[in-house]
């Protein structure tokens, strides 16, 4: 492999781990705040961040745990599930975070 490709592979792992750490902090902070304020918006943000975290972890470890030979042995349903699950999780997680932010903003506006 070329040195630039090796550098990019290392940087992708570092950025992936930083993304996982950031999503973990977001999920924990939103969960803690929702417990204190009992707001549904913050609870939804925590759930969305957790789903995004799971999708990111799946994206990082799937090449290791699911090589092409294993995916091929899963059959048509398994392949479809392995290919569609991460985008669905990312979409649902982002939807939950955005909807939670909207709900929390409305709750703050009502509290004024």
Protein backbone atom coordinates (compact mmCIF):
# COMPACT_ATOMS: atom_id res chain seq x y z
CA UNK A 1 0.00 0.00 0.00
CA UNK A 2 1.05 3.57 -0.51
CA UNK A 3 2.02 5.75 2.46
CA UNK A 4 -0.82 8.18 1.76
CA UNK A 5 -3.37 5.35 1.86
CA UNK A 6 -1.92 4.08 5.14
CA UNK A 7 -2.11 7.61 6.59
CA UNK A 8 -5.73 7.93 5.46
CA UNK A 9 -6.63 4.57 7.02
CA UNK A 10 -5.13 5.63 10.34
CA UNK A 11 -6.86 9.03 10.20
CA UNK A 12 -10.21 7.40 9.43
CA UNK A 13 -9.87 5.27 12.56
CA UNK A 14 -8.90 8.27 14.68
CA UNK A 15 -11.81 10.36 13.33
CA UNK A 16 -14.16 7.42 13.80
CA UNK A 17 -13.15 7.03 17.42
CA UNK A 18 -13.51 10.79 17.95
CA UNK A 19 -17.01 10.61 16.46
CA UNK A 20 -17.93 7.74 18.75
CA UNK A 21 -16.63 9.67 21.76
CA UNK A 22 -18.58 12.77 20.74
CA UNK A 23 -21.81 10.84 20.23
CA UNK A 24 -21.31 9.11 23.56
CA UNK A 25 -20.88 12.46 25.33
CA UNK A 26 -23.97 13.83 23.55
CA UNK A 27 -26.09 10.81 24.52
CA UNK A 28 -24.95 10.88 28.15
CA UNK A 29 -25.42 14.65 28.49
CA UNK A 30 -28.91 14.53 26.95
CA UNK A 31 -29.88 11.57 29.16
CA UNK A 32 -28.67 13.38 32.27
CA UNK A 33 -30.46 16.61 31.34
CA UNK A 34 -33.69 14.76 30.50
CA UNK A 35 -33.61 13.08 33.89
CA UNK A 36 -33.23 16.46 35.60
CA UNK A 37 -35.82 18.38 33.56
CA UNK A 38 -38.10 15.48 32.58
CA UNK A 39 -38.41 16.86 29.07
CA UNK A 40 -39.44 14.61 26.19
CA UNK A 41 -37.28 16.57 23.75
CA UNK A 42 -34.10 15.81 25.64
CA UNK A 43 -35.12 12.18 26.02
CA UNK A 44 -35.59 11.98 22.26
CA UNK A 45 -32.18 13.59 21.70
CA UNK A 46 -30.61 10.96 23.98
CA UNK A 47 -32.29 8.11 22.11
CA UNK A 48 -31.30 9.59 18.74
CA UNK A 49 -27.70 10.02 19.83
CA UNK A 50 -27.62 6.43 21.08
CA UNK A 51 -28.95 5.16 17.72
CA UNK A 52 -26.36 7.26 15.87
CA UNK A 53 -23.69 5.86 18.17
CA UNK A 54 -24.76 2.30 17.42
CA UNK A 55 -24.79 3.01 13.69
CA UNK A 56 -21.28 4.49 13.85
CA UNK A 57 -19.95 1.55 15.86
CA UNK A 58 -21.59 -0.84 13.38
CA UNK A 59 -19.95 1.03 10.51
CA UNK A 60 -16.52 0.79 12.13
CA UNK A 61 -16.61 -2.87 13.17
CA UNK A 62 -18.62 -4.40 10.32
CA UNK A 63 -15.61 -4.84 7.99
CA UNK A 64 -13.90 -6.83 10.75
CA UNK A 65 -16.87 -8.88 11.96
CA UNK A 66 -18.63 -9.27 8.62
CA UNK A 67 -16.11 -9.98 5.86
CA UNK A 68 -17.53 -10.64 2.37
CA UNK A 69 -17.44 -14.42 2.93
CA UNK A 70 -19.68 -14.15 6.00
CA UNK A 71 -22.08 -11.75 4.32
CA UNK A 72 -22.32 -14.09 1.33
CA UNK A 73 -23.15 -16.99 3.65
CA UNK A 74 -26.01 -15.05 5.27
CA UNK A 75 -28.20 -15.35 2.22
CA UNK A 76 -30.32 -12.77 0.48
CA UNK A 77 -32.16 -11.59 3.60
CA UNK A 78 -28.96 -11.27 5.60
CA UNK A 79 -27.24 -9.28 2.87
CA UNK A 80 -30.25 -6.97 2.56
CA UNK A 81 -30.29 -6.47 6.32
CA UNK A 82 -26.55 -5.77 6.50
CA UNK A 83 -26.79 -3.21 3.72
CA UNK A 84 -29.97 -1.39 4.80
CA UNK A 85 -29.60 -1.37 8.59
CA UNK A 86 -26.87 1.33 8.89
CA UNK A 87 -28.59 3.96 6.68
CA UNK A 88 -31.90 3.33 8.41
CA UNK A 89 -30.27 3.71 11.83
CA UNK A 90 -28.54 6.93 10.75
CA UNK A 91 -31.80 8.34 9.38
CA UNK A 92 -33.82 7.42 12.48
CA UNK A 93 -31.10 8.71 14.83
CA UNK A 94 -30.81 12.03 13.03
CA UNK A 95 -34.59 12.36 12.90
CA UNK A 96 -34.80 11.76 16.65
CA UNK A 97 -32.09 14.31 17.44
CA UNK A 98 -33.67 16.99 15.24
CA UNK A 99 -37.18 16.30 16.52
CA UNK A 100 -35.88 16.34 20.09
CA UNK A 101 -34.18 19.69 19.52
CA UNK A 102 -37.42 21.09 18.11
CA UNK A 103 -39.41 19.77 21.07
CA UNK A 104 -36.92 21.06 23.61
CA UNK A 105 -36.94 24.48 21.94
CA UNK A 106 -40.75 24.60 22.13
CA UNK A 107 -40.65 23.62 25.79
CA UNK A 108 -38.14 26.38 26.53
CA UNK A 109 -40.26 28.92 24.63
CA UNK A 110 -43.35 27.88 26.63
CA UNK A 111 -41.44 28.19 29.90
CA UNK A 112 -40.69 31.88 29.31
